[in-house]
N, C-alpha and C. Protein backbone atom coordinates (compact mmCIF):
# COMPACT_ATOMS: atom_id res chain seq x y z
N MET A 1 0.82 -1.17 0.01
CA MET A 1 -0.01 -0.04 0.07
C MET A 1 0.90 1.20 0.01
N THR A 2 0.59 2.14 -0.98
CA THR A 2 1.29 3.36 -1.04
C THR A 2 0.35 4.53 -0.96
N TYR A 3 0.49 5.44 -0.02
CA TYR A 3 -0.35 6.56 0.02
C TYR A 3 0.19 7.60 -1.02
N CYS A 4 -0.60 8.14 -1.82
CA CYS A 4 -0.23 9.07 -2.93
C CYS A 4 -0.65 10.51 -2.66
N TYR A 5 0.20 11.38 -2.71
CA TYR A 5 -0.06 12.80 -2.50
C TYR A 5 -0.70 13.28 -3.82
N GLU A 6 -1.22 14.45 -3.80
CA GLU A 6 -1.92 15.06 -4.96
C GLU A 6 -1.01 15.17 -6.16
N SER A 7 0.15 15.74 -5.94
CA SER A 7 1.17 15.85 -7.05
C SER A 7 1.50 14.42 -7.67
N GLU A 8 1.57 13.45 -6.78
CA GLU A 8 1.85 12.21 -7.32
C GLU A 8 0.73 11.59 -8.18
N LEU A 9 -0.45 11.78 -7.68
CA LEU A 9 -1.68 11.30 -8.41
C LEU A 9 -1.83 11.94 -9.85
N LEU A 10 -1.37 13.20 -9.90
CA LEU A 10 -1.42 13.88 -11.19
C LEU A 10 -0.25 13.58 -12.18
N ASP A 11 0.76 12.84 -11.55
CA ASP A 11 1.97 12.53 -12.36
C ASP A 11 1.76 11.00 -12.95
N THR A 12 1.24 10.96 -14.13
CA THR A 12 1.03 9.55 -14.65
C THR A 12 2.19 8.63 -14.68
N ASP A 13 3.46 9.26 -14.82
CA ASP A 13 4.66 8.39 -14.82
C ASP A 13 4.81 7.85 -13.47
N TYR A 14 4.56 8.45 -12.43
CA TYR A 14 4.71 7.93 -11.09
C TYR A 14 3.67 6.79 -10.83
N ILE A 15 2.48 6.96 -11.26
CA ILE A 15 1.40 5.99 -11.10
C ILE A 15 1.73 4.76 -11.89
N TYR A 16 2.24 4.97 -13.17
CA TYR A 16 2.55 3.84 -14.03
C TYR A 16 3.78 3.09 -13.48
N SER A 17 4.73 3.83 -12.76
CA SER A 17 5.82 3.12 -12.16
C SER A 17 5.38 2.20 -10.97
N LEU A 18 4.36 2.63 -10.28
CA LEU A 18 3.83 1.83 -9.19
C LEU A 18 2.88 0.65 -9.63
N LEU A 19 1.98 0.91 -10.60
CA LEU A 19 1.00 0.00 -10.94
C LEU A 19 0.97 -0.47 -12.36
N GLY A 20 1.85 -0.02 -13.18
CA GLY A 20 1.90 -0.32 -14.58
C GLY A 20 0.81 0.47 -15.32
N SER A 21 0.54 0.16 -16.52
CA SER A 21 -0.41 0.99 -17.35
C SER A 21 -1.78 0.64 -17.03
N PRO A 22 -2.71 1.43 -17.50
CA PRO A 22 -4.13 1.19 -17.21
C PRO A 22 -4.56 -0.16 -17.91
N PHE A 23 -5.48 -0.92 -17.23
CA PHE A 23 -5.87 -2.19 -17.77
C PHE A 23 -6.60 -2.11 -19.14
N LYS A 24 -6.24 -2.98 -20.03
CA LYS A 24 -6.82 -2.89 -21.37
C LYS A 24 -7.10 -4.43 -21.71
N ASP A 25 -8.38 -4.72 -21.96
CA ASP A 25 -8.83 -6.05 -22.29
C ASP A 25 -8.53 -6.19 -23.88
N SER A 26 -7.59 -7.05 -24.28
CA SER A 26 -7.31 -7.20 -25.67
C SER A 26 -8.41 -7.85 -26.55
N THR A 27 -9.43 -8.38 -25.87
CA THR A 27 -10.44 -8.99 -26.74
C THR A 27 -11.63 -8.13 -26.94
N ARG A 28 -11.59 -6.87 -26.38
CA ARG A 28 -12.62 -5.87 -26.58
C ARG A 28 -12.08 -4.54 -27.14
N LEU A 29 -12.96 -3.83 -27.88
CA LEU A 29 -12.58 -2.53 -28.49
C LEU A 29 -12.44 -1.52 -27.38
N PHE A 30 -13.39 -1.52 -26.48
CA PHE A 30 -13.42 -0.52 -25.34
C PHE A 30 -13.29 -1.32 -24.06
N THR A 31 -12.52 -0.84 -23.08
CA THR A 31 -12.38 -1.51 -21.83
C THR A 31 -12.75 -0.61 -20.68
N VAL A 32 -13.57 -0.99 -19.76
CA VAL A 32 -13.90 -0.26 -18.61
C VAL A 32 -12.81 -0.46 -17.55
N SER A 33 -11.99 0.55 -17.33
CA SER A 33 -10.89 0.31 -16.33
C SER A 33 -11.21 1.06 -14.98
N GLY A 34 -12.26 1.62 -14.83
CA GLY A 34 -12.61 2.36 -13.62
C GLY A 34 -13.97 2.21 -13.18
N SER A 35 -14.21 2.47 -11.87
CA SER A 35 -15.53 2.36 -11.34
C SER A 35 -15.60 3.51 -10.28
N GLY A 36 -16.63 4.37 -10.46
CA GLY A 36 -16.70 5.54 -9.68
C GLY A 36 -17.97 5.78 -8.97
N GLY A 37 -18.12 6.98 -8.24
CA GLY A 37 -19.37 7.33 -7.57
C GLY A 37 -19.45 6.79 -6.21
N TYR A 38 -18.41 6.50 -5.47
CA TYR A 38 -18.39 6.04 -4.10
C TYR A 38 -18.27 7.22 -3.14
N PHE A 39 -18.84 6.95 -1.94
CA PHE A 39 -18.60 7.84 -0.83
C PHE A 39 -18.08 7.05 0.36
N ILE A 40 -17.26 7.63 1.14
CA ILE A 40 -16.65 6.97 2.24
C ILE A 40 -17.55 6.61 3.40
N ASP A 41 -17.70 5.38 3.77
CA ASP A 41 -18.44 4.97 4.98
C ASP A 41 -17.57 5.06 6.11
N HIS A 42 -16.39 4.38 6.09
CA HIS A 42 -15.36 4.57 7.10
C HIS A 42 -14.10 3.88 6.69
N ILE A 43 -12.96 4.32 7.33
CA ILE A 43 -11.71 3.84 6.98
C ILE A 43 -11.17 3.32 8.34
N ILE A 44 -10.69 1.98 8.39
CA ILE A 44 -10.05 1.41 9.52
C ILE A 44 -8.65 1.29 9.23
N SER A 45 -7.75 1.93 9.88
CA SER A 45 -6.32 2.03 9.45
C SER A 45 -5.40 2.13 10.66
N GLY A 46 -4.31 1.48 10.61
CA GLY A 46 -3.27 1.71 11.61
C GLY A 46 -2.19 2.63 10.92
N ASP A 47 -2.35 2.97 9.73
CA ASP A 47 -1.42 3.79 9.01
C ASP A 47 -1.97 5.28 9.18
N SER A 48 -1.07 6.15 9.67
CA SER A 48 -1.46 7.55 9.95
C SER A 48 -1.69 8.29 8.64
N SER A 49 -1.10 7.93 7.49
CA SER A 49 -1.30 8.61 6.27
C SER A 49 -2.76 8.55 5.76
N LEU A 50 -3.48 7.47 6.18
CA LEU A 50 -4.84 7.40 5.67
C LEU A 50 -5.79 8.23 6.44
N ALA A 51 -5.39 8.65 7.64
CA ALA A 51 -6.15 9.52 8.49
C ALA A 51 -6.27 10.90 7.86
N ARG A 52 -5.40 11.27 6.84
CA ARG A 52 -5.51 12.51 6.15
C ARG A 52 -6.66 12.61 5.12
N ILE A 53 -7.15 11.53 4.85
CA ILE A 53 -8.30 11.42 3.83
C ILE A 53 -9.64 11.86 4.52
N PRO A 54 -10.21 12.94 4.03
CA PRO A 54 -11.46 13.45 4.69
C PRO A 54 -12.59 12.42 4.61
N ASP A 55 -13.36 12.37 5.69
CA ASP A 55 -14.56 11.43 5.84
C ASP A 55 -15.56 11.59 4.73
N ASP A 56 -15.69 12.88 4.23
CA ASP A 56 -16.77 13.13 3.34
C ASP A 56 -16.25 13.28 1.84
N ALA A 57 -15.19 12.62 1.58
CA ALA A 57 -14.60 12.67 0.21
C ALA A 57 -15.39 11.63 -0.72
N LYS A 58 -15.22 11.85 -2.05
CA LYS A 58 -15.76 10.95 -2.95
C LYS A 58 -14.62 10.04 -3.41
N ALA A 59 -14.97 8.90 -3.90
CA ALA A 59 -13.90 7.90 -4.36
C ALA A 59 -14.22 7.38 -5.70
N ASN A 60 -13.09 7.04 -6.38
CA ASN A 60 -13.18 6.35 -7.66
C ASN A 60 -12.09 5.21 -7.54
N ILE A 61 -12.29 4.19 -8.31
CA ILE A 61 -11.31 3.12 -8.33
C ILE A 61 -10.91 2.88 -9.74
N GLN A 62 -9.66 2.79 -10.02
CA GLN A 62 -9.05 2.63 -11.28
C GLN A 62 -8.15 1.41 -11.33
N ARG A 63 -8.52 0.49 -12.38
CA ARG A 63 -7.77 -0.73 -12.47
C ARG A 63 -6.49 -0.60 -13.32
N TYR A 64 -5.36 -1.01 -12.80
CA TYR A 64 -4.08 -1.06 -13.51
C TYR A 64 -3.68 -2.58 -13.69
N GLU A 65 -2.53 -2.81 -14.47
CA GLU A 65 -2.02 -4.07 -14.68
C GLU A 65 -1.55 -4.72 -13.35
N LYS A 66 -0.93 -3.96 -12.51
CA LYS A 66 -0.40 -4.43 -11.28
C LYS A 66 -1.23 -4.29 -10.08
N GLY A 67 -2.37 -3.60 -10.15
CA GLY A 67 -3.25 -3.40 -9.01
C GLY A 67 -4.34 -2.32 -9.14
N LEU A 68 -4.78 -1.75 -8.03
CA LEU A 68 -5.81 -0.80 -8.10
C LEU A 68 -5.29 0.54 -7.52
N LEU A 69 -5.86 1.62 -8.01
CA LEU A 69 -5.69 2.91 -7.41
C LEU A 69 -7.05 3.44 -6.95
N ILE A 70 -7.12 3.70 -5.67
CA ILE A 70 -8.28 4.34 -5.05
C ILE A 70 -8.01 5.81 -4.91
N ALA A 71 -8.67 6.69 -5.70
CA ALA A 71 -8.45 8.03 -5.61
C ALA A 71 -9.66 8.75 -4.95
N PHE A 72 -9.39 9.58 -3.95
CA PHE A 72 -10.36 10.35 -3.28
C PHE A 72 -10.29 11.87 -3.67
N ASN A 73 -11.48 12.42 -3.65
CA ASN A 73 -11.52 13.88 -4.07
C ASN A 73 -12.45 14.58 -3.06
N LYS A 74 -11.98 15.62 -2.55
CA LYS A 74 -12.69 16.52 -1.65
C LYS A 74 -12.37 17.89 -1.90
N SER A 75 -13.32 18.75 -2.38
CA SER A 75 -13.15 20.14 -2.74
C SER A 75 -11.90 20.28 -3.62
N ASN A 76 -11.79 19.54 -4.63
CA ASN A 76 -10.69 19.59 -5.61
C ASN A 76 -9.36 19.32 -5.03
N ARG A 77 -9.31 18.69 -3.99
CA ARG A 77 -8.13 18.19 -3.41
C ARG A 77 -8.04 16.62 -3.58
N LEU A 78 -7.00 16.15 -4.03
CA LEU A 78 -6.88 14.73 -4.37
C LEU A 78 -6.05 13.96 -3.30
N TYR A 79 -6.51 12.75 -3.03
CA TYR A 79 -5.80 11.85 -2.07
C TYR A 79 -5.86 10.53 -2.73
N GLY A 80 -4.98 9.62 -2.46
CA GLY A 80 -4.92 8.31 -3.15
C GLY A 80 -4.19 7.19 -2.44
N ILE A 81 -4.60 6.01 -2.76
CA ILE A 81 -3.98 4.79 -2.22
C ILE A 81 -3.76 3.93 -3.42
N SER A 82 -2.48 3.47 -3.61
CA SER A 82 -2.22 2.56 -4.67
C SER A 82 -2.02 1.13 -4.00
N LEU A 83 -2.69 0.15 -4.56
CA LEU A 83 -2.66 -1.20 -3.95
C LEU A 83 -2.21 -2.23 -5.04
N GLU A 84 -1.20 -2.96 -4.78
CA GLU A 84 -0.84 -4.04 -5.70
C GLU A 84 -1.68 -5.20 -5.45
N TRP A 85 -1.86 -6.11 -6.41
CA TRP A 85 -2.81 -7.18 -6.31
C TRP A 85 -2.46 -8.07 -5.11
N ASN A 86 -1.15 -8.34 -4.78
CA ASN A 86 -0.75 -9.16 -3.70
C ASN A 86 -1.00 -8.54 -2.34
N GLU A 87 -1.21 -7.21 -2.24
CA GLU A 87 -1.45 -6.55 -0.98
C GLU A 87 -2.97 -6.62 -0.62
N ILE A 88 -3.90 -6.86 -1.57
CA ILE A 88 -5.33 -6.85 -1.35
C ILE A 88 -5.74 -8.25 -0.73
N ASP A 89 -6.32 -8.21 0.37
CA ASP A 89 -6.80 -9.44 1.03
C ASP A 89 -8.13 -9.90 0.43
N GLN A 90 -9.07 -8.88 0.34
CA GLN A 90 -10.35 -9.27 -0.14
C GLN A 90 -11.20 -8.03 -0.56
N ILE A 91 -11.99 -8.22 -1.50
CA ILE A 91 -12.95 -7.19 -1.94
C ILE A 91 -14.32 -7.75 -1.81
N THR A 92 -15.28 -7.02 -0.96
CA THR A 92 -16.60 -7.49 -0.81
C THR A 92 -17.56 -6.40 -1.28
N LEU A 93 -18.46 -6.84 -2.18
CA LEU A 93 -19.52 -5.98 -2.63
C LEU A 93 -20.86 -6.51 -2.18
N THR A 94 -21.57 -5.70 -1.40
CA THR A 94 -22.86 -6.16 -0.87
C THR A 94 -23.94 -5.27 -1.43
N LYS A 95 -25.05 -5.98 -1.95
CA LYS A 95 -26.20 -5.34 -2.47
C LYS A 95 -27.08 -4.83 -1.34
N GLY A 96 -27.65 -3.60 -1.54
CA GLY A 96 -28.60 -3.07 -0.51
C GLY A 96 -29.93 -3.68 -0.63
N LYS A 97 -30.72 -3.57 0.38
CA LYS A 97 -32.01 -4.14 0.42
C LYS A 97 -32.93 -3.55 -0.53
N GLU A 98 -33.74 -4.40 -1.19
CA GLU A 98 -34.73 -3.77 -2.10
C GLU A 98 -36.03 -3.80 -1.52
N GLN A 99 -36.86 -2.75 -1.83
CA GLN A 99 -38.24 -2.69 -1.29
C GLN A 99 -39.16 -2.25 -2.38
N LEU A 100 -40.15 -3.08 -2.62
CA LEU A 100 -41.08 -2.94 -3.66
C LEU A 100 -42.48 -2.72 -3.03
N GLN A 101 -43.07 -1.56 -3.25
CA GLN A 101 -44.36 -1.19 -2.73
C GLN A 101 -45.30 -0.71 -3.84
N PRO A 102 -46.03 -1.66 -4.47
CA PRO A 102 -46.90 -1.26 -5.59
C PRO A 102 -48.09 -0.46 -5.07
N LYS A 103 -48.45 0.53 -5.78
CA LYS A 103 -49.54 1.44 -5.45
C LYS A 103 -50.65 1.48 -6.55
N PHE A 104 -51.89 1.24 -6.21
CA PHE A 104 -52.91 1.37 -7.21
C PHE A 104 -53.04 2.82 -7.56
N PRO A 105 -53.27 3.26 -8.74
CA PRO A 105 -53.30 2.59 -10.06
C PRO A 105 -51.97 2.67 -10.82
N LEU A 106 -50.90 2.73 -10.19
CA LEU A 106 -49.59 2.94 -10.93
C LEU A 106 -49.10 1.52 -11.64
N PRO A 107 -48.20 1.72 -12.61
CA PRO A 107 -47.86 0.58 -13.47
C PRO A 107 -47.48 -0.73 -12.83
N VAL A 108 -46.61 -0.56 -11.71
CA VAL A 108 -46.12 -1.79 -11.13
C VAL A 108 -47.27 -2.53 -10.50
N TRP A 109 -48.25 -1.91 -9.94
CA TRP A 109 -49.42 -2.65 -9.35
C TRP A 109 -50.16 -3.51 -10.48
N TRP A 110 -50.35 -2.81 -11.63
CA TRP A 110 -50.98 -3.51 -12.78
C TRP A 110 -50.12 -4.65 -13.24
N LEU A 111 -48.80 -4.42 -13.47
CA LEU A 111 -47.99 -5.37 -14.05
C LEU A 111 -47.91 -6.68 -13.18
N ILE A 112 -47.86 -6.48 -11.86
CA ILE A 112 -47.80 -7.62 -10.87
C ILE A 112 -49.21 -8.40 -11.07
N ARG A 113 -50.33 -7.66 -11.07
CA ARG A 113 -51.61 -8.27 -11.18
C ARG A 113 -51.77 -9.08 -12.49
N LEU A 114 -51.06 -8.60 -13.53
CA LEU A 114 -51.11 -9.29 -14.83
C LEU A 114 -50.12 -10.49 -14.94
N GLY A 115 -49.37 -10.71 -13.85
CA GLY A 115 -48.51 -11.89 -13.76
C GLY A 115 -47.04 -11.66 -14.06
N LEU A 116 -46.60 -10.44 -14.32
CA LEU A 116 -45.17 -10.08 -14.49
C LEU A 116 -44.47 -10.26 -13.22
N PRO A 117 -43.38 -11.08 -13.09
CA PRO A 117 -42.59 -11.18 -11.87
C PRO A 117 -42.09 -9.83 -11.31
N ALA A 118 -42.06 -9.78 -10.00
CA ALA A 118 -41.70 -8.48 -9.35
C ALA A 118 -40.31 -8.07 -9.75
N GLU A 119 -39.44 -9.06 -10.00
CA GLU A 119 -38.02 -8.67 -10.41
C GLU A 119 -37.98 -7.85 -11.73
N LYS A 120 -38.95 -8.10 -12.55
CA LYS A 120 -38.98 -7.37 -13.82
C LYS A 120 -39.90 -6.18 -13.72
N ALA A 121 -41.01 -6.19 -12.95
CA ALA A 121 -41.97 -5.11 -12.72
C ALA A 121 -41.34 -3.92 -12.07
N LYS A 122 -40.36 -4.25 -11.23
CA LYS A 122 -39.75 -3.11 -10.43
C LYS A 122 -39.11 -2.01 -11.28
N TYR A 123 -38.73 -2.33 -12.52
CA TYR A 123 -38.15 -1.31 -13.49
C TYR A 123 -39.13 -0.31 -13.95
N PHE A 124 -40.29 -0.56 -13.79
CA PHE A 124 -41.46 0.35 -14.21
C PHE A 124 -41.97 1.18 -13.07
N GLY A 125 -41.36 1.08 -12.01
CA GLY A 125 -41.82 1.81 -10.71
C GLY A 125 -41.76 3.34 -10.83
N LEU A 126 -42.85 3.98 -10.39
CA LEU A 126 -42.94 5.41 -10.37
C LEU A 126 -43.20 5.90 -8.94
N PHE A 127 -42.85 7.08 -8.66
CA PHE A 127 -43.13 7.75 -7.45
C PHE A 127 -42.85 6.94 -6.12
N GLY A 128 -41.58 6.35 -6.06
CA GLY A 128 -41.24 5.61 -4.96
C GLY A 128 -41.77 4.15 -4.82
N GLU A 129 -42.25 3.66 -5.81
CA GLU A 129 -42.69 2.19 -5.69
C GLU A 129 -41.66 1.25 -5.47
N PHE A 130 -40.47 1.63 -5.98
CA PHE A 130 -39.33 0.68 -5.78
C PHE A 130 -38.22 1.47 -5.17
N LYS A 131 -37.66 0.95 -4.08
CA LYS A 131 -36.52 1.59 -3.45
C LYS A 131 -35.34 0.65 -3.33
N GLN A 132 -34.14 1.13 -3.48
CA GLN A 132 -32.95 0.40 -3.37
C GLN A 132 -32.00 1.02 -2.38
N GLU A 133 -31.67 0.33 -1.32
CA GLU A 133 -30.71 0.93 -0.34
C GLU A 133 -29.35 0.93 -1.04
N PRO A 134 -28.34 1.76 -0.59
CA PRO A 134 -27.08 1.84 -1.05
C PRO A 134 -26.31 0.50 -1.01
N LEU A 135 -25.43 0.24 -2.06
CA LEU A 135 -24.49 -0.91 -1.99
C LEU A 135 -23.37 -0.59 -1.13
N LYS A 136 -22.67 -1.57 -0.66
CA LYS A 136 -21.52 -1.35 0.20
C LYS A 136 -20.25 -2.11 -0.46
N LEU A 137 -19.19 -1.38 -0.49
CA LEU A 137 -17.94 -1.98 -1.00
C LEU A 137 -16.88 -1.94 0.09
N GLU A 138 -16.27 -3.05 0.36
CA GLU A 138 -15.14 -3.10 1.30
C GLU A 138 -13.97 -3.62 0.76
N ILE A 139 -12.83 -2.95 0.83
CA ILE A 139 -11.55 -3.43 0.33
C ILE A 139 -10.72 -3.52 1.46
N GLY A 140 -10.24 -4.85 1.78
CA GLY A 140 -9.35 -5.10 2.91
C GLY A 140 -7.91 -5.40 2.37
N PHE A 141 -6.95 -4.72 3.05
CA PHE A 141 -5.65 -4.81 2.69
C PHE A 141 -4.68 -4.58 3.97
N GLU A 142 -3.67 -5.47 4.07
CA GLU A 142 -2.72 -5.29 5.15
C GLU A 142 -3.35 -4.95 6.45
N LYS A 143 -4.36 -5.61 6.96
CA LYS A 143 -5.06 -5.40 8.23
C LYS A 143 -5.67 -3.96 8.32
N GLN A 144 -6.00 -3.51 7.11
CA GLN A 144 -6.76 -2.14 6.96
C GLN A 144 -7.93 -2.38 6.16
N LEU A 145 -8.93 -1.44 6.35
CA LEU A 145 -10.19 -1.66 5.55
C LEU A 145 -10.62 -0.31 5.12
N VAL A 146 -10.97 -0.23 3.83
CA VAL A 146 -11.62 1.01 3.21
C VAL A 146 -13.10 0.53 2.94
N SER A 147 -14.06 1.16 3.62
CA SER A 147 -15.51 0.84 3.38
C SER A 147 -16.22 2.02 2.63
N LEU A 148 -16.72 1.70 1.48
CA LEU A 148 -17.38 2.66 0.69
C LEU A 148 -18.78 2.37 0.37
N TYR A 149 -19.63 3.33 0.05
CA TYR A 149 -20.97 3.02 -0.28
C TYR A 149 -21.35 3.89 -1.63
N ALA A 150 -22.33 3.33 -2.37
CA ALA A 150 -22.75 4.03 -3.59
C ALA A 150 -24.21 3.72 -3.78
N ASN A 151 -24.77 4.43 -4.78
CA ASN A 151 -26.21 4.21 -5.14
C ASN A 151 -26.45 2.75 -5.46
N GLY A 152 -27.50 2.24 -4.77
CA GLY A 152 -27.80 0.90 -4.90
C GLY A 152 -28.27 0.46 -6.33
N PHE A 153 -28.78 1.41 -7.16
CA PHE A 153 -29.24 1.14 -8.41
C PHE A 153 -28.04 0.79 -9.39
N SER A 154 -26.92 1.14 -8.96
CA SER A 154 -25.70 0.86 -9.80
C SER A 154 -25.02 -0.48 -9.48
N PHE A 155 -25.67 -1.34 -8.74
CA PHE A 155 -25.16 -2.62 -8.23
C PHE A 155 -24.75 -3.60 -9.40
N ASP A 156 -25.62 -3.70 -10.42
CA ASP A 156 -25.29 -4.61 -11.49
C ASP A 156 -24.03 -4.18 -12.27
N GLU A 157 -23.77 -2.92 -12.51
CA GLU A 157 -22.59 -2.56 -13.25
C GLU A 157 -21.37 -2.69 -12.38
N LYS A 158 -21.44 -2.37 -11.13
CA LYS A 158 -20.32 -2.59 -10.22
C LYS A 158 -20.04 -4.04 -9.97
N ALA A 159 -21.04 -4.85 -9.88
CA ALA A 159 -20.75 -6.33 -9.71
C ALA A 159 -20.04 -6.95 -10.95
N PHE A 160 -20.49 -6.38 -12.10
CA PHE A 160 -19.75 -6.85 -13.34
C PHE A 160 -18.32 -6.38 -13.33
N TYR A 161 -18.07 -5.13 -12.92
CA TYR A 161 -16.74 -4.64 -12.87
C TYR A 161 -15.88 -5.49 -11.90
N PHE A 162 -16.39 -5.70 -10.71
CA PHE A 162 -15.53 -6.43 -9.66
C PHE A 162 -15.48 -7.92 -9.93
N SER A 163 -16.51 -8.49 -10.51
CA SER A 163 -16.28 -9.95 -10.94
C SER A 163 -15.20 -10.14 -11.87
N ALA A 164 -14.81 -9.15 -12.70
CA ALA A 164 -13.72 -9.29 -13.61
C ALA A 164 -12.35 -9.29 -12.84
N LEU A 165 -12.41 -8.74 -11.65
CA LEU A 165 -11.16 -8.70 -10.78
C LEU A 165 -10.90 -10.05 -10.14
N SER A 166 -11.89 -10.90 -10.15
CA SER A 166 -11.78 -12.20 -9.31
C SER A 166 -10.64 -13.07 -9.74
N VAL A 167 -10.11 -12.78 -10.89
CA VAL A 167 -8.92 -13.48 -11.49
C VAL A 167 -7.64 -13.20 -10.62
N LYS A 168 -7.63 -11.86 -10.15
CA LYS A 168 -6.44 -11.37 -9.55
C LYS A 168 -6.50 -11.43 -7.99
N VAL A 169 -7.72 -11.20 -7.43
CA VAL A 169 -7.95 -11.12 -5.95
C VAL A 169 -9.19 -11.88 -5.56
N LYS A 170 -9.38 -12.11 -4.32
CA LYS A 170 -10.64 -12.69 -3.83
C LYS A 170 -11.70 -11.65 -3.73
N VAL A 171 -12.74 -11.89 -4.55
CA VAL A 171 -13.88 -10.99 -4.61
C VAL A 171 -15.16 -11.69 -4.19
N ILE A 172 -15.84 -11.14 -3.26
CA ILE A 172 -17.12 -11.73 -2.78
C ILE A 172 -18.26 -10.71 -3.15
N ILE A 173 -19.26 -11.23 -3.86
CA ILE A 173 -20.41 -10.46 -4.38
C ILE A 173 -21.58 -10.98 -3.68
N GLU A 174 -22.29 -10.34 -2.80
CA GLU A 174 -23.43 -10.77 -2.11
C GLU A 174 -24.66 -10.06 -2.53
């Protein structure tokens, strides 16, 4: 684990020296190498450098050949953690609880009455008929933990992104 200062995060040569070049899948024309839109839930750390990351910063994760870069942004100030694959103990992605409350005469109520499964009818919900709690992402490394959360509606995209990392590290998707 390497804590990166703002000047180091902006220096691509420095990041490339730590983690290699950004991930590129040779079988695809376009490759998604990042996952964004996270907020900090909490950080458990014995390292004093991580204490400098503000609690209300936003986070993005970038995949490189040799590991991950977790970049934090708060009021246009950048903070970062670079992690090599062998330093990451586990990545856990947990789906938030779903709540479906069909209301007469809105579309979900009718679709369920007509026999459409709730798993498909939920996509037609209006006015709060379908609610999704935030997803939770935990990255454990060297007896430290970064816990992040994001909009629960983006779970499928984030699950796809992190399932591709399962070749390199232990990934649990719940």
